[in-house]
Protein backbone atom coordinates (compact mmCIF):
# COMPACT_ATOMS: atom_id res chain seq x y z
CA MET A 1 47.19 -26.75 -107.58
CA ASN A 2 43.67 -25.44 -106.94
CA THR A 3 42.04 -27.65 -104.29
CA ALA A 4 39.17 -25.32 -103.41
CA LEU A 5 35.87 -27.06 -102.81
CA PRO A 6 32.99 -26.21 -105.19
CA ALA A 7 30.88 -23.31 -104.00
CA PRO A 8 27.71 -24.48 -102.20
CA LEU A 9 24.43 -24.01 -104.05
CA ASP A 10 21.34 -22.31 -102.70
CA GLU A 11 17.95 -24.04 -102.81
CA ALA A 12 16.79 -22.33 -106.00
CA ALA A 13 19.95 -23.36 -107.85
CA ILE A 14 19.58 -26.96 -106.69
CA VAL A 15 15.98 -27.06 -107.94
CA ARG A 16 17.00 -25.58 -111.33
CA LEU A 17 19.81 -28.10 -111.79
CA LEU A 18 17.57 -31.02 -110.83
CA GLN A 19 14.99 -29.85 -113.36
CA ALA A 20 17.70 -29.55 -116.01
CA CYS A 21 18.96 -33.02 -115.11
CA ARG A 22 15.49 -34.51 -115.56
CA ALA A 23 14.99 -32.63 -118.83
CA GLU A 24 18.25 -33.97 -120.24
CA ALA A 25 17.30 -37.54 -119.28
CA ALA A 26 13.81 -37.13 -120.78
CA SER A 27 15.42 -36.01 -124.04
CA GLY A 28 17.67 -39.08 -124.12
CA ARG A 29 20.87 -37.21 -123.25
CA ILE A 30 21.81 -39.53 -120.40
CA MET A 31 25.51 -38.60 -120.34
CA GLU A 32 24.71 -34.90 -119.98
CA SER A 33 22.15 -35.73 -117.28
CA ASP A 34 24.72 -37.81 -115.40
CA GLN A 35 27.23 -34.96 -115.59
CA LEU A 36 24.73 -32.50 -114.10
CA LEU A 37 23.86 -34.97 -111.36
CA ALA A 38 27.53 -35.55 -110.57
CA ARG A 39 28.03 -31.79 -110.26
CA LEU A 40 25.08 -31.57 -107.90
CA ALA A 41 26.44 -34.42 -105.81
CA GLN A 42 29.68 -32.50 -105.36
CA GLN A 43 28.08 -29.18 -104.52
CA ALA A 44 25.11 -30.41 -102.45
CA PRO A 45 26.15 -33.87 -101.22
CA HIS A 46 23.68 -33.98 -98.31
CA HIS A 47 20.61 -32.43 -99.94
CA PRO A 48 17.65 -34.90 -99.74
CA ALA A 49 16.42 -34.14 -103.28
CA VAL A 50 19.90 -34.71 -104.71
CA LEU A 51 20.30 -37.95 -102.77
CA ASN A 52 16.87 -39.03 -104.02
CA ALA A 53 17.78 -38.27 -107.65
CA LEU A 54 20.99 -40.26 -107.29
CA GLY A 55 19.06 -43.13 -105.71
CA VAL A 56 16.53 -43.18 -108.55
CA ARG A 57 19.42 -43.31 -111.05
CA MET A 58 21.12 -46.15 -109.17
CA LEU A 59 17.89 -48.12 -108.84
CA ALA A 60 17.22 -47.80 -112.59
CA ARG A 61 20.66 -49.29 -113.22
CA GLY A 62 20.10 -52.25 -110.93
CA ALA A 63 22.33 -51.02 -108.11
CA ALA A 64 19.76 -51.60 -105.37
CA GLU A 65 22.20 -51.54 -102.44
CA GLN A 66 23.63 -48.15 -103.45
CA ALA A 67 20.13 -46.83 -104.13
CA HIS A 68 18.92 -48.01 -100.72
CA ALA A 69 21.80 -46.27 -98.94
CA LEU A 70 21.01 -43.02 -100.76
CA PHE A 71 17.28 -43.20 -100.00
CA VAL A 72 18.03 -43.88 -96.33
CA ARG A 73 20.09 -40.68 -96.22
CA ALA A 74 17.38 -38.78 -98.12
CA THR A 75 14.57 -39.82 -95.75
CA ALA A 76 16.76 -38.98 -92.76
CA GLY A 77 17.33 -35.51 -94.20
CA ASP A 78 13.67 -34.91 -95.13
CA PRO A 79 11.41 -37.37 -93.28
CA ARG A 80 8.23 -35.44 -94.21
CA HIS A 81 8.44 -36.11 -97.96
CA PRO A 82 6.26 -39.11 -98.99
CA ALA A 83 7.98 -39.62 -102.36
CA LEU A 84 11.28 -40.31 -100.61
CA TRP A 85 9.68 -43.06 -98.53
CA ALA A 86 8.01 -44.53 -101.62
CA ASN A 87 11.40 -44.65 -103.37
CA LEU A 88 12.99 -46.20 -100.29
CA ALA A 89 10.26 -48.87 -100.48
CA SER A 90 11.18 -49.53 -104.12
CA SER A 91 14.80 -50.18 -103.17
CA LEU A 92 13.73 -52.46 -100.32
CA LYS A 93 11.53 -54.42 -102.72
CA ALA A 94 14.49 -54.83 -105.08
CA LEU A 95 16.50 -56.16 -102.13
CA GLY A 96 13.75 -58.59 -101.11
CA ARG A 97 13.23 -56.93 -97.71
CA SER A 98 9.44 -57.05 -97.79
CA THR A 99 8.70 -56.26 -94.13
CA GLU A 100 10.75 -53.06 -94.32
CA GLU A 101 9.21 -52.29 -97.72
CA LEU A 102 5.73 -52.30 -96.19
CA GLY A 103 6.90 -50.07 -93.33
CA ALA A 104 8.26 -47.49 -95.77
CA LEU A 105 5.01 -47.54 -97.76
CA GLU A 106 2.94 -47.08 -94.60
CA LYS A 107 5.11 -44.09 -93.70
CA ALA A 108 4.56 -42.56 -97.15
CA LEU A 109 0.78 -43.03 -96.87
CA GLU A 110 0.74 -41.68 -93.34
CA LEU A 111 2.25 -38.48 -94.73
CA GLU A 112 0.00 -38.40 -97.83
CA PRO A 113 -2.89 -40.91 -97.91
CA ARG A 114 -3.58 -40.18 -101.61
CA HIS A 115 0.02 -40.54 -102.80
CA LEU A 116 -0.46 -42.33 -106.12
CA SER A 117 2.88 -44.13 -106.32
CA ALA A 118 2.70 -45.36 -102.72
CA LEU A 119 -0.88 -46.59 -103.22
CA LEU A 120 0.11 -48.51 -106.35
CA GLN A 121 3.20 -49.90 -104.64
CA LYS A 122 1.22 -51.05 -101.63
CA ALA A 123 -1.36 -52.67 -103.91
CA ALA A 124 1.45 -54.51 -105.72
CA TYR A 125 2.90 -55.55 -102.35
CA LEU A 126 -0.46 -57.02 -101.29
CA GLU A 127 -0.78 -58.78 -104.63
CA ASP A 128 2.74 -60.21 -104.34
CA THR A 129 2.10 -61.44 -100.80
CA GLY A 130 -1.05 -63.36 -101.71
CA GLU A 131 -3.78 -60.88 -100.78
CA PRO A 132 -5.54 -60.24 -104.12
CA ARG A 133 -8.76 -58.93 -102.59
CA ASN A 134 -7.05 -56.34 -100.45
CA ALA A 135 -4.77 -55.58 -103.39
CA ALA A 136 -7.83 -54.87 -105.53
CA ARG A 137 -9.22 -52.51 -102.91
CA MET A 138 -5.87 -50.71 -102.75
CA TYR A 139 -5.72 -50.49 -106.54
CA GLN A 140 -9.21 -48.98 -106.45
CA ASN A 141 -8.01 -46.43 -103.89
CA ALA A 142 -5.18 -45.52 -106.25
CA LEU A 143 -7.57 -45.14 -109.20
CA ASP A 144 -9.91 -43.03 -107.06
CA SER A 145 -7.02 -40.71 -106.19
CA LEU A 146 -6.62 -39.65 -109.84
CA PRO A 147 -8.30 -36.27 -110.39
CA PRO A 148 -10.27 -35.91 -113.64
CA GLY A 149 -8.00 -34.90 -116.52
CA ALA A 150 -4.83 -35.42 -114.48
CA GLN A 151 -1.55 -35.50 -116.39
CA LEU A 152 -0.08 -38.88 -115.49
CA PRO A 153 3.61 -39.56 -114.89
CA PRO A 154 5.32 -41.18 -117.90
CA GLY A 155 5.28 -44.96 -117.99
CA ILE A 156 2.44 -45.40 -115.50
CA GLU A 157 -0.37 -46.33 -117.90
CA ALA A 158 0.53 -50.03 -117.95
CA THR A 159 0.36 -50.09 -114.14
CA LEU A 160 -3.05 -48.40 -114.19
CA GLN A 161 -4.33 -50.89 -116.76
CA HIS A 162 -3.22 -53.70 -114.46
CA ALA A 163 -4.96 -51.96 -111.55
CA ARG A 164 -8.22 -51.76 -113.52
CA ALA A 165 -7.95 -55.42 -114.47
CA MET A 166 -7.41 -56.44 -110.84
CA VAL A 167 -10.42 -54.40 -109.72
CA ALA A 168 -12.63 -55.85 -112.46
CA ALA A 169 -11.62 -59.42 -111.57
CA ASP A 170 -12.30 -58.79 -107.89
CA VAL A 171 -15.73 -57.31 -108.64
CA ALA A 172 -16.57 -60.39 -110.68
CA ALA A 173 -15.46 -62.64 -107.81
CA LEU A 174 -17.52 -60.70 -105.28
CA ASN A 175 -20.54 -60.80 -107.59
CA ALA A 176 -20.21 -64.59 -107.72
CA VAL A 177 -20.15 -64.70 -103.91
CA LEU A 178 -23.30 -62.58 -103.71
CA GLU A 179 -25.32 -64.20 -106.49
CA GLU A 180 -26.56 -67.44 -104.92
CA PRO A 181 -27.45 -66.16 -101.40
CA LEU A 182 -29.27 -63.13 -102.84
CA ALA A 183 -31.12 -65.31 -105.36
CA ALA A 184 -32.39 -67.43 -102.46
CA ILE A 185 -33.65 -64.34 -100.64
CA ARG A 186 -35.23 -63.08 -103.85
CA GLN A 187 -37.06 -66.39 -104.23
CA ARG A 188 -38.21 -66.29 -100.61
CA HIS A 189 -39.81 -62.92 -101.28
CA GLY A 190 -41.74 -63.98 -104.37
CA GLY A 191 -39.01 -64.33 -106.98
CA GLY A 192 -39.42 -60.88 -108.49
CA ARG A 193 -36.60 -58.50 -109.29
CA GLN A 194 -35.58 -56.28 -106.40
CA ARG A 195 -34.82 -53.26 -108.53
CA ARG A 196 -33.51 -50.96 -105.84
CA VAL A 197 -31.28 -53.65 -104.33
CA ASP A 198 -29.92 -54.40 -107.79
CA LEU A 199 -29.17 -50.73 -108.43
CA CYS A 200 -27.62 -50.46 -104.97
CA LEU A 201 -25.25 -53.38 -105.57
CA GLU A 202 -24.39 -52.13 -109.06
CA ALA A 203 -23.25 -48.90 -107.43
CA LEU A 204 -21.38 -50.77 -104.67
CA LEU A 205 -19.58 -52.86 -107.28
CA GLY A 206 -18.67 -49.81 -109.35
CA ARG A 207 -21.06 -50.47 -112.26
CA ARG A 208 -23.05 -47.28 -112.10
CA ARG A 209 -22.46 -43.70 -111.02
CA VAL A 210 -23.99 -42.50 -107.77
CA PHE A 211 -25.51 -39.07 -107.40
CA PRO A 212 -26.25 -37.39 -104.00
CA ALA A 213 -27.30 -38.21 -101.26
CA GLN A 214 -23.68 -38.61 -100.22
CA PRO A 215 -23.07 -41.75 -98.14
CA THR A 216 -19.41 -42.56 -97.67
CA TRP A 217 -19.88 -46.26 -98.41
CA MET A 218 -23.15 -47.89 -99.62
CA HIS A 219 -25.70 -45.87 -101.59
CA PHE A 220 -29.23 -47.22 -101.92
CA PRO A 221 -30.90 -45.64 -104.98
CA GLU A 222 -34.30 -43.99 -105.24
CA LEU A 223 -34.73 -43.32 -101.53
CA PRO A 224 -35.87 -39.73 -101.06
CA ALA A 225 -33.34 -37.45 -99.36
CA ILE A 226 -35.38 -36.61 -96.25
CA GLU A 227 -33.49 -34.36 -93.86
CA PHE A 228 -35.72 -34.93 -90.79
CA PHE A 229 -38.47 -37.54 -90.94
CA GLU A 230 -41.95 -36.81 -89.62
CA ARG A 231 -42.06 -37.62 -85.93
CA ALA A 232 -45.58 -39.07 -86.29
CA ASP A 233 -44.20 -41.84 -88.51
CA PHE A 234 -42.38 -43.37 -85.53
CA PRO A 235 -44.95 -44.12 -82.80
CA TRP A 236 -42.49 -46.45 -81.04
CA LEU A 237 -40.49 -43.34 -80.07
CA ASP A 238 -43.19 -42.59 -77.48
CA ALA A 239 -41.83 -45.28 -75.14
CA ILE A 240 -38.26 -44.07 -75.57
CA GLU A 241 -39.18 -40.45 -74.91
CA ALA A 242 -41.21 -41.52 -71.86
CA ALA A 243 -38.07 -43.11 -70.42
CA ALA A 244 -35.87 -40.07 -71.17
CA GLY A 245 -35.64 -39.08 -67.49
CA GLU A 246 -34.41 -42.53 -66.44
CA ILE A 247 -32.03 -42.67 -69.39
CA ARG A 248 -30.61 -39.28 -68.44
CA ALA A 249 -30.14 -40.47 -64.84
CA GLU A 250 -28.22 -43.54 -66.07
CA LEU A 251 -26.02 -41.31 -68.23
CA LEU A 252 -25.23 -39.01 -65.29
CA ARG A 253 -24.30 -42.01 -63.13
CA VAL A 254 -21.98 -43.22 -65.90
CA LEU A 255 -20.29 -39.81 -66.07
CA VAL A 256 -19.52 -40.07 -62.37
CA ALA A 257 -18.78 -43.80 -61.96
CA ASP A 258 -17.43 -44.98 -65.31
CA ARG A 259 -15.69 -42.11 -67.09
CA ASP A 260 -13.00 -44.54 -68.23
CA GLY A 261 -15.67 -46.11 -70.43
CA LEU A 262 -15.78 -42.96 -72.55
CA GLN A 263 -13.67 -43.09 -75.71
CA PRO A 264 -12.95 -40.69 -78.57
CA TYR A 265 -15.69 -41.10 -81.16
CA ILE A 266 -13.26 -40.22 -83.95
CA ASP A 267 -10.39 -42.69 -83.69
CA PHE A 268 -9.03 -43.41 -87.16
CA PRO A 269 -5.58 -44.98 -87.71
CA THR A 270 -2.83 -42.98 -89.35
CA GLY A 271 -2.58 -43.29 -93.09
CA LEU A 272 -6.24 -42.46 -93.75
CA PRO A 273 -7.36 -39.20 -95.39
CA LEU A 274 -8.90 -37.60 -92.31
CA ASP A 275 -9.78 -34.32 -94.01
CA GLN A 276 -12.23 -32.43 -91.77
CA PHE A 277 -11.81 -34.81 -88.79
CA ARG A 278 -8.07 -34.30 -88.31
CA GLU A 279 -8.57 -31.98 -85.32
CA LEU A 280 -11.00 -34.34 -83.53
CA ASN A 281 -9.18 -37.60 -84.28
CA GLY A 282 -8.30 -39.32 -81.01
CA SER A 283 -9.77 -36.44 -79.01
CA ARG A 284 -12.16 -36.78 -76.08
CA ARG A 285 -13.74 -33.46 -77.01
CA TRP A 286 -16.25 -35.67 -78.83
CA SER A 287 -16.52 -38.87 -76.85
CA ALA A 288 -18.82 -41.88 -76.84
CA TYR A 289 -20.03 -44.36 -74.25
CA PHE A 290 -21.08 -47.36 -76.35
CA LEU A 291 -23.83 -49.78 -75.37
CA TRP A 292 -23.65 -51.47 -78.78
CA ASN A 293 -20.74 -50.79 -81.13
CA GLN A 294 -20.96 -52.03 -84.74
CA SER A 295 -23.25 -54.95 -83.70
CA GLU A 296 -21.21 -55.87 -80.60
CA ALA A 297 -22.96 -55.48 -77.24
CA VAL A 298 -20.75 -53.88 -74.57
CA ALA A 299 -21.98 -55.97 -71.66
CA GLY A 300 -20.41 -53.89 -68.88
CA HIS A 301 -21.90 -50.68 -70.21
CA ILE A 302 -25.33 -52.26 -70.74
CA ALA A 303 -25.23 -53.41 -67.12
CA GLN A 304 -24.67 -49.80 -66.08
CA CYS A 305 -27.66 -48.63 -68.17
CA PRO A 306 -30.40 -51.30 -67.97
CA THR A 307 -33.34 -48.98 -68.70
CA THR A 308 -31.61 -47.50 -71.73
CA ALA A 309 -30.81 -50.97 -73.06
CA ARG A 310 -34.36 -52.19 -72.48
CA VAL A 311 -36.07 -49.34 -74.32
CA LEU A 312 -33.59 -49.52 -77.18
CA GLU A 313 -34.66 -53.10 -77.80
CA THR A 314 -38.16 -51.80 -78.62
CA ALA A 315 -36.84 -49.85 -81.63
CA PRO A 316 -36.62 -51.30 -85.20
CA ARG A 317 -32.83 -51.33 -85.10
CA CYS A 318 -30.62 -52.72 -87.87
CA ARG A 319 -29.14 -56.17 -87.28
CA VAL A 320 -26.08 -56.59 -89.48
CA ALA A 321 -23.13 -58.64 -88.25
CA GLY A 322 -20.07 -56.42 -87.86
CA ARG A 323 -22.07 -53.26 -88.59
CA ALA A 324 -25.23 -52.75 -86.56
CA PRO A 325 -26.81 -52.02 -84.20
CA THR A 326 -24.85 -49.13 -82.76
CA ALA A 327 -26.08 -47.17 -79.76
CA PHE A 328 -24.12 -44.77 -77.56
CA PHE A 329 -24.19 -41.68 -75.42
CA SER A 330 -22.53 -38.87 -77.38
CA ILE A 331 -20.75 -36.24 -75.27
CA LEU A 332 -19.71 -33.01 -76.96
CA ASP A 333 -17.41 -30.80 -74.93
CA PRO A 334 -17.86 -27.02 -74.53
CA ASN A 335 -16.79 -24.83 -77.45
CA THR A 336 -16.53 -27.81 -79.80
CA ARG A 337 -17.85 -28.22 -83.33
CA ILE A 338 -18.42 -31.45 -85.24
CA PRO A 339 -17.58 -30.46 -88.82
CA PRO A 340 -19.93 -31.10 -91.77
CA HIS A 341 -19.87 -34.75 -92.80
CA THR A 342 -22.03 -37.58 -94.14
CA GLY A 343 -22.70 -41.12 -92.95
CA VAL A 344 -21.82 -44.46 -94.53
CA THR A 345 -25.16 -45.64 -95.96
CA ASN A 346 -28.70 -44.40 -96.46
CA THR A 347 -30.09 -47.89 -95.78
CA ARG A 348 -30.30 -46.81 -92.18
CA CYS A 349 -31.32 -43.64 -90.36
CA THR A 350 -30.08 -42.09 -87.14
CA VAL A 351 -32.10 -41.28 -84.02
CA HIS A 352 -31.16 -38.60 -81.49
CA LEU A 353 -32.66 -38.46 -78.01
CA PRO A 354 -31.40 -35.24 -76.35
CA LEU A 355 -30.58 -35.63 -72.65
CA VAL A 356 -28.36 -32.72 -71.52
CA VAL A 357 -28.59 -29.65 -73.75
CA PRO A 358 -27.07 -26.35 -72.59
CA PRO A 359 -27.80 -23.12 -74.49
CA ALA A 360 -25.89 -22.35 -77.71
CA CYS A 361 -26.09 -25.91 -79.05
CA GLY A 362 -27.36 -26.68 -82.51
CA PHE A 363 -27.65 -29.24 -85.27
CA ARG A 364 -27.94 -28.87 -89.04
CA VAL A 365 -28.99 -31.48 -91.58
CA GLY A 366 -28.85 -30.21 -95.15
CA GLY A 367 -30.65 -26.89 -95.19
CA THR A 368 -32.50 -27.37 -91.87
CA THR A 369 -31.12 -26.28 -88.50
CA ARG A 370 -32.75 -27.35 -85.24
CA GLU A 371 -32.10 -27.05 -81.54
CA TRP A 372 -32.22 -30.14 -79.37
CA VAL A 373 -34.99 -30.22 -76.78
CA PRO A 374 -34.33 -32.63 -73.89
CA GLY A 375 -36.59 -35.67 -74.11
CA GLN A 376 -37.78 -34.99 -77.68
CA ALA A 377 -36.36 -37.43 -80.25
CA TRP A 378 -35.95 -37.03 -83.99
CA VAL A 379 -34.97 -39.25 -86.92
CA PHE A 380 -32.79 -38.03 -89.80
CA ASP A 381 -30.86 -39.29 -92.82
CA ASP A 382 -27.21 -38.90 -91.89
CA THR A 383 -26.01 -39.34 -95.48
CA ILE A 384 -27.19 -35.77 -96.02
CA GLU A 385 -24.45 -33.37 -94.94
CA HIS A 386 -24.87 -32.53 -91.27
CA GLU A 387 -22.95 -30.85 -88.45
CA ALA A 388 -23.32 -30.10 -84.74
CA TRP A 389 -21.95 -27.58 -82.28
CA ASN A 390 -21.78 -26.79 -78.59
CA LEU A 391 -20.78 -23.17 -78.04
CA SER A 392 -21.70 -23.21 -74.35
CA ASP A 393 -19.38 -23.70 -71.38
CA THR A 394 -20.81 -27.11 -70.35
CA PRO A 395 -20.98 -30.50 -72.10
CA ARG A 396 -23.88 -31.58 -74.31
CA ALA A 397 -25.10 -35.21 -74.16
CA ILE A 398 -27.50 -37.16 -76.37
CA LEU A 399 -28.37 -40.80 -76.96
CA ILE A 400 -27.70 -41.85 -80.57
CA PHE A 401 -28.75 -45.10 -82.25
CA ASP A 402 -29.42 -46.38 -85.75
CA ILE A 403 -32.54 -47.93 -87.30
CA TRP A 404 -33.40 -49.27 -90.72
CA ASN A 405 -34.50 -46.62 -93.18
CA PRO A 406 -38.30 -46.96 -92.86
CA LEU A 407 -38.74 -46.71 -96.65
CA LEU A 408 -36.97 -50.04 -97.29
CA SER A 409 -39.14 -53.11 -97.83
CA ALA A 410 -38.65 -56.28 -95.81
CA ALA A 411 -37.02 -57.95 -98.83
CA GLU A 412 -34.67 -55.01 -99.32
CA ARG A 413 -33.64 -55.07 -95.66
CA ASP A 414 -32.93 -58.80 -95.79
CA MET A 415 -30.90 -58.52 -98.99
CA ILE A 416 -28.91 -55.50 -97.82
CA GLN A 417 -28.16 -57.25 -94.53
CA VAL A 418 -26.78 -60.33 -96.29
CA ALA A 419 -24.94 -58.33 -98.97
CA THR A 420 -23.28 -56.14 -96.33
CA GLU A 421 -22.21 -59.12 -94.23
CA LEU A 422 -20.81 -60.97 -97.24
CA TYR A 423 -19.00 -57.85 -98.40
CA GLY A 424 -17.32 -57.58 -95.00
CA ARG A 425 -16.34 -61.25 -95.00
CA HIS A 426 -15.04 -61.04 -98.57
CA TYR A 427 -12.50 -58.43 -97.50
CA SER A 428 -12.13 -59.58 -93.87
CA LEU A 429 -13.06 -56.04 -92.87
CA ARG A 430 -13.19 -54.62 -89.43
CA ALA A 431 -16.38 -52.63 -88.94
CA GLU A 432 -16.10 -49.17 -90.42
CA SER A 433 -16.93 -46.01 -88.54
CA ALA A 434 -20.60 -45.15 -88.25
CA LEU A 435 -19.97 -41.64 -89.56
């Protein structure tokens, strides 16, 4: 009797047989597909892709326990593959183990934040657990992950239609939340249409396409894309520049006495598409000492820097609950670059007051590159692509704070403030990064 074990397969052969197995199933030849899969299971019983294919087959046939066991083995064998974690989540959902299901989905999205299946599964999870607003945002993330003209997996169109319906219903609900408070503000400012606010909110709610500038969150239409504003348009900067020496002294005392107050400026949680900020995430190579952080005053830090805090209060800073003002000392370590990026909204501008500037430092906004000069402030639109670098061997330090875009009217500022606050409450959002 011949009891020899089947010869092991190399990787290329396993891939070819899996492709053949899928092709047979797609053509309706399920028996032939099962036979190929059984052969693979004999010859490559521990291969993660084979275990995954077996798990998918078991799950489709309602054998959730067997599927779960196979997906557990698959993820153990290849923990860096997001699709395996998404499939594990599907088996956990079938078993009613929702807490573990969410953990598997978070792992998949940590590995690939734009993984379509995991995004749709997490949206469905949020919907099932009574969080329709956050589900709608997650469905929107899934829809946004689809590249133009993408060939979609079979059977997914119904899910995408449901995603679009959820997003549309949520937009309608948010519009209802905004309508009455904004109408009251409109009436207070004469009752006329606030065209730019209306266009802004249409873009925020997904009703119109936005063209550059390139804010990462809220775009306000018909504001000119001004790289650096004219210094003469901001006479209140005179008082801040006059105090630059005292502000610099307070910064230097902080760097000696309160270094623990410095924190990485880029500090995003896992599972987000970090793109160009992956290298700086969680790193003190670009650190911040916040006096105000997304509207919250940092009392201990303000106490350390009373002159800085006092002169900042003379500036026309944004006041938006959960968002603004923000003001901080920005420390950029030697031989460090901040990659090109854009800010969240052009309804506000950014002010730099240089304090400690070694040679070989620079700053680019759009097509204009400048060198910082200690004590000389400038105002720029940070939704235009910008970057900074310190190629010296000593740290660079500047004071950064935000102000309203000076081209907004009083009515527009009031309406954007309320709309932004209501948007945050609608989704129970934590303040987003000021980038």
